[in-house]
Every structure is written in structure tokens, then in C-alpha cells.
Amino acid sequence: MVVSASILNLQPHALRIGDNNLNRLPEEQRNRLELVVVLGVDPKKVSAHALNANRYNAHWELVYRNDPPPPLTHIDGPRALLAELP
């Protein structure tokens, strides 16, 4: 999972958070998250339910997508997400 670091006042690139390591963020930073986007993760490792903001007493929007259906592959996940936008 990748979380935008800019809203955390960290370095201006993505902060990689895997296997539900949102717990490793200090509560103050976690509460500042507005959007968490998860693409191509194995649902057995990190489920959408596990990343629900209510579990952290936070208020982020969660966009959770598994890999797109064939013939697309894992690498096409970001493009498939963008194709959903109006």
C-alpha cells in the first residue's frame, strides 16, 4: 500500500506501508490521512476491512482495488483505476 507522504509533511514522495502497517504511523499523522489508495494487493494479506478508517478512529477515504481482470495484469492496476474516473 502506498500513502501520500505530502499530507504527512514527510518527504514529497509516496510512503510505502505494507501488511497493514498503518499502526506504525503516529496517531497524529494517521489522523491527517484523507485518502488511502490500495492497488493490486493480495486480499488474503490486507483486506479492505482491515484498512477501514473506523478501525483506527480516523476519517480517510479508502480506494481498494484488486488486480484488474485478464487480459490486464498487476502492472495495469493504476491505469485501470484512472479509467474509472469521470
N, C-alpha and C. Protein backbone atom coordinates (compact mmCIF):
# COMPACT_ATOMS: atom_id res chain seq x y z
N MET A 1 0.85 -1.16 0.00
CA MET A 1 0.00 0.00 0.00
C MET A 1 0.90 1.22 0.00
N VAL A 2 0.46 2.25 -0.68
CA VAL A 2 1.23 3.49 -0.75
C VAL A 2 0.36 4.61 -0.23
N VAL A 3 0.89 5.41 0.66
CA VAL A 3 0.19 6.56 1.21
C VAL A 3 0.95 7.79 0.82
N SER A 4 0.25 8.82 0.37
CA SER A 4 0.91 10.06 0.00
C SER A 4 1.59 10.66 1.22
N ALA A 5 2.86 10.94 1.10
CA ALA A 5 3.61 11.47 2.22
C ALA A 5 3.46 12.98 2.34
N SER A 6 3.02 13.64 1.29
CA SER A 6 2.96 15.10 1.33
C SER A 6 1.99 15.59 2.40
N ILE A 7 0.88 14.88 2.61
CA ILE A 7 -0.06 15.34 3.63
C ILE A 7 0.43 15.03 5.04
N LEU A 8 1.48 14.24 5.13
CA LEU A 8 2.07 13.94 6.43
C LEU A 8 3.25 14.84 6.75
N ASN A 9 3.52 15.81 5.86
CA ASN A 9 4.70 16.67 5.99
C ASN A 9 5.98 15.85 6.05
N LEU A 10 6.02 14.81 5.25
CA LEU A 10 7.22 13.99 5.12
C LEU A 10 7.84 14.30 3.77
N GLN A 11 8.79 13.52 3.35
CA GLN A 11 9.39 13.74 2.05
C GLN A 11 8.31 13.68 0.99
N PRO A 12 8.44 14.49 -0.08
CA PRO A 12 7.35 14.62 -1.06
C PRO A 12 7.25 13.47 -2.05
N HIS A 13 7.33 12.25 -1.58
CA HIS A 13 7.02 11.10 -2.43
C HIS A 13 6.17 10.13 -1.62
N ALA A 14 5.89 9.03 -2.19
CA ALA A 14 4.98 8.10 -1.54
C ALA A 14 5.66 7.38 -0.39
N LEU A 15 4.89 7.13 0.61
CA LEU A 15 5.33 6.36 1.76
C LEU A 15 4.72 4.97 1.63
N ARG A 16 5.57 3.95 1.55
CA ARG A 16 5.09 2.59 1.38
C ARG A 16 4.71 2.01 2.73
N ILE A 17 3.49 1.52 2.77
CA ILE A 17 3.02 0.90 4.01
C ILE A 17 2.45 -0.45 3.63
N GLY A 18 3.06 -1.52 4.10
CA GLY A 18 2.59 -2.84 3.73
C GLY A 18 2.08 -3.62 4.92
N ASP A 19 1.30 -4.64 4.62
CA ASP A 19 0.78 -5.54 5.64
C ASP A 19 0.13 -4.81 6.81
N ASN A 20 -0.65 -3.80 6.47
CA ASN A 20 -1.42 -3.07 7.47
C ASN A 20 -0.54 -2.38 8.49
N ASN A 21 0.54 -1.76 8.05
CA ASN A 21 1.44 -1.06 8.95
C ASN A 21 0.99 0.35 9.25
N LEU A 22 -0.27 0.66 9.02
CA LEU A 22 -0.79 1.95 9.41
C LEU A 22 -0.61 2.16 10.91
N ASN A 23 -0.54 1.07 11.65
CA ASN A 23 -0.32 1.17 13.10
C ASN A 23 1.04 1.77 13.42
N ARG A 24 1.98 1.69 12.50
CA ARG A 24 3.32 2.22 12.75
C ARG A 24 3.37 3.74 12.63
N LEU A 25 2.37 4.32 11.97
CA LEU A 25 2.32 5.78 11.90
C LEU A 25 1.87 6.31 13.25
N PRO A 26 2.46 7.41 13.70
CA PRO A 26 1.95 8.03 14.93
C PRO A 26 0.48 8.43 14.72
N GLU A 27 -0.30 8.36 15.75
CA GLU A 27 -1.73 8.66 15.65
C GLU A 27 -1.97 10.02 15.01
N GLU A 28 -1.17 10.99 15.35
CA GLU A 28 -1.34 12.35 14.79
C GLU A 28 -1.22 12.32 13.27
N GLN A 29 -0.24 11.61 12.74
CA GLN A 29 -0.07 11.52 11.29
C GLN A 29 -1.18 10.67 10.67
N ARG A 30 -1.53 9.58 11.29
CA ARG A 30 -2.59 8.71 10.77
C ARG A 30 -3.91 9.48 10.67
N ASN A 31 -4.19 10.34 11.63
CA ASN A 31 -5.43 11.10 11.62
C ASN A 31 -5.44 12.19 10.55
N ARG A 32 -4.30 12.52 10.01
CA ARG A 32 -4.23 13.52 8.95
C ARG A 32 -4.46 12.94 7.56
N LEU A 33 -4.46 11.62 7.45
CA LEU A 33 -4.69 10.99 6.16
C LEU A 33 -6.11 11.30 5.68
N GLU A 34 -6.24 11.67 4.43
CA GLU A 34 -7.54 11.94 3.84
C GLU A 34 -7.92 10.86 2.82
N LEU A 35 -6.92 10.25 2.22
CA LEU A 35 -7.17 9.26 1.18
C LEU A 35 -6.12 8.16 1.27
N VAL A 36 -6.56 6.92 1.31
CA VAL A 36 -5.68 5.76 1.27
C VAL A 36 -6.06 4.96 0.04
N VAL A 37 -5.10 4.77 -0.87
CA VAL A 37 -5.34 4.05 -2.12
C VAL A 37 -4.53 2.76 -2.07
N VAL A 38 -5.22 1.64 -2.27
CA VAL A 38 -4.59 0.32 -2.24
C VAL A 38 -4.86 -0.34 -3.59
N LEU A 39 -3.78 -0.68 -4.30
CA LEU A 39 -3.92 -1.28 -5.63
C LEU A 39 -3.17 -2.60 -5.68
N GLY A 40 -3.81 -3.62 -6.20
CA GLY A 40 -3.15 -4.88 -6.51
C GLY A 40 -2.62 -5.64 -5.32
N VAL A 41 -3.23 -5.47 -4.18
CA VAL A 41 -2.78 -6.20 -3.00
C VAL A 41 -3.52 -7.53 -2.92
N ASP A 42 -2.86 -8.53 -2.38
CA ASP A 42 -3.49 -9.82 -2.16
C ASP A 42 -4.50 -9.67 -1.02
N PRO A 43 -5.80 -9.88 -1.27
CA PRO A 43 -6.80 -9.67 -0.22
C PRO A 43 -6.61 -10.58 0.99
N LYS A 44 -5.84 -11.64 0.83
CA LYS A 44 -5.55 -12.51 1.98
C LYS A 44 -4.54 -11.85 2.91
N LYS A 45 -3.75 -10.90 2.40
CA LYS A 45 -2.74 -10.22 3.22
C LYS A 45 -3.29 -8.96 3.85
N VAL A 46 -3.99 -8.15 3.07
CA VAL A 46 -4.56 -6.89 3.57
C VAL A 46 -5.94 -6.73 2.96
N SER A 47 -6.96 -6.84 3.77
CA SER A 47 -8.33 -6.69 3.27
C SER A 47 -8.79 -5.24 3.36
N ALA A 48 -9.81 -4.93 2.61
CA ALA A 48 -10.40 -3.59 2.69
C ALA A 48 -10.93 -3.35 4.10
N HIS A 49 -11.48 -4.38 4.71
CA HIS A 49 -12.00 -4.25 6.07
C HIS A 49 -10.88 -3.87 7.06
N ALA A 50 -9.71 -4.45 6.89
CA ALA A 50 -8.59 -4.17 7.79
C ALA A 50 -8.11 -2.73 7.67
N LEU A 51 -8.39 -2.10 6.53
CA LEU A 51 -7.93 -0.72 6.30
C LEU A 51 -9.04 0.30 6.51
N ASN A 52 -10.17 -0.13 6.98
CA ASN A 52 -11.28 0.78 7.22
C ASN A 52 -10.88 1.82 8.26
N ALA A 53 -11.12 3.08 7.96
CA ALA A 53 -10.71 4.17 8.85
C ALA A 53 -11.34 4.06 10.23
N ASN A 54 -12.54 3.52 10.31
CA ASN A 54 -13.21 3.39 11.60
C ASN A 54 -12.42 2.52 12.58
N ARG A 55 -11.67 1.58 12.05
CA ARG A 55 -10.85 0.71 12.92
C ARG A 55 -9.72 1.48 13.58
N TYR A 56 -9.39 2.66 13.02
CA TYR A 56 -8.30 3.48 13.54
C TYR A 56 -8.81 4.78 14.16
N ASN A 57 -10.14 4.90 14.30
CA ASN A 57 -10.74 6.16 14.76
C ASN A 57 -10.27 7.32 13.90
N ALA A 58 -10.24 7.10 12.60
CA ALA A 58 -9.79 8.11 11.64
C ALA A 58 -10.89 8.34 10.61
N HIS A 59 -10.60 9.18 9.62
CA HIS A 59 -11.66 9.58 8.68
C HIS A 59 -11.20 9.59 7.23
N TRP A 60 -10.31 8.69 6.84
CA TRP A 60 -9.86 8.72 5.45
C TRP A 60 -10.84 8.00 4.54
N GLU A 61 -10.74 8.37 3.26
CA GLU A 61 -11.48 7.66 2.21
C GLU A 61 -10.58 6.53 1.74
N LEU A 62 -11.13 5.36 1.57
CA LEU A 62 -10.37 4.19 1.12
C LEU A 62 -10.78 3.82 -0.29
N VAL A 63 -9.78 3.74 -1.17
CA VAL A 63 -9.98 3.21 -2.52
C VAL A 63 -9.17 1.92 -2.57
N TYR A 64 -9.86 0.80 -2.67
CA TYR A 64 -9.23 -0.52 -2.59
C TYR A 64 -9.58 -1.30 -3.85
N ARG A 65 -8.57 -1.67 -4.62
CA ARG A 65 -8.78 -2.42 -5.86
C ARG A 65 -7.82 -3.59 -5.92
N ASN A 66 -8.36 -4.75 -6.23
CA ASN A 66 -7.52 -5.90 -6.53
C ASN A 66 -6.98 -5.74 -7.95
N ASP A 67 -6.20 -6.69 -8.41
CA ASP A 67 -5.69 -6.62 -9.78
C ASP A 67 -6.86 -6.60 -10.76
N PRO A 68 -6.71 -5.89 -11.88
CA PRO A 68 -7.78 -5.87 -12.88
C PRO A 68 -7.93 -7.25 -13.53
N PRO A 69 -9.10 -7.51 -14.11
CA PRO A 69 -9.33 -8.82 -14.72
C PRO A 69 -8.48 -9.00 -15.99
N PRO A 70 -8.17 -10.26 -16.34
CA PRO A 70 -7.42 -10.54 -17.57
C PRO A 70 -8.18 -9.99 -18.78
N PRO A 71 -7.50 -9.58 -19.78
CA PRO A 71 -6.09 -9.81 -20.07
C PRO A 71 -5.16 -8.80 -19.40
N LEU A 72 -5.69 -7.87 -18.59
CA LEU A 72 -4.83 -6.93 -17.88
C LEU A 72 -4.07 -7.67 -16.78
N THR A 73 -2.97 -7.06 -16.34
CA THR A 73 -2.15 -7.68 -15.30
C THR A 73 -1.97 -6.70 -14.14
N HIS A 74 -1.23 -7.13 -13.14
CA HIS A 74 -0.96 -6.34 -11.95
C HIS A 74 -0.45 -4.94 -12.32
N ILE A 75 0.43 -4.87 -13.28
CA ILE A 75 1.04 -3.59 -13.65
C ILE A 75 0.02 -2.62 -14.26
N ASP A 76 -1.11 -3.14 -14.71
CA ASP A 76 -2.16 -2.29 -15.29
C ASP A 76 -3.12 -1.73 -14.24
N GLY A 77 -2.94 -2.07 -12.98
CA GLY A 77 -3.84 -1.62 -11.92
C GLY A 77 -4.02 -0.10 -11.85
N PRO A 78 -2.94 0.68 -11.84
CA PRO A 78 -3.12 2.13 -11.79
C PRO A 78 -3.87 2.67 -13.01
N ARG A 79 -3.58 2.15 -14.18
CA ARG A 79 -4.28 2.59 -15.39
C ARG A 79 -5.77 2.23 -15.33
N ALA A 80 -6.08 1.06 -14.81
CA ALA A 80 -7.47 0.65 -14.69
C ALA A 80 -8.21 1.54 -13.70
N LEU A 81 -7.55 1.94 -12.61
CA LEU A 81 -8.16 2.84 -11.64
C LEU A 81 -8.43 4.20 -12.30
N LEU A 82 -7.48 4.73 -13.02
CA LEU A 82 -7.66 6.02 -13.69
C LEU A 82 -8.78 5.96 -14.71
N ALA A 83 -8.96 4.81 -15.37
CA ALA A 83 -10.02 4.66 -16.37
C ALA A 83 -11.41 4.76 -15.73
N GLU A 84 -11.49 4.51 -14.42
CA GLU A 84 -12.78 4.60 -13.73
C GLU A 84 -13.20 6.04 -13.44
N LEU A 85 -12.25 6.96 -13.49
CA LEU A 85 -12.55 8.36 -13.17
C LEU A 85 -13.39 8.99 -14.27
N PRO A 86 -14.29 9.90 -13.87
CA PRO A 86 -15.14 10.57 -14.88
C PRO A 86 -14.33 11.51 -15.76
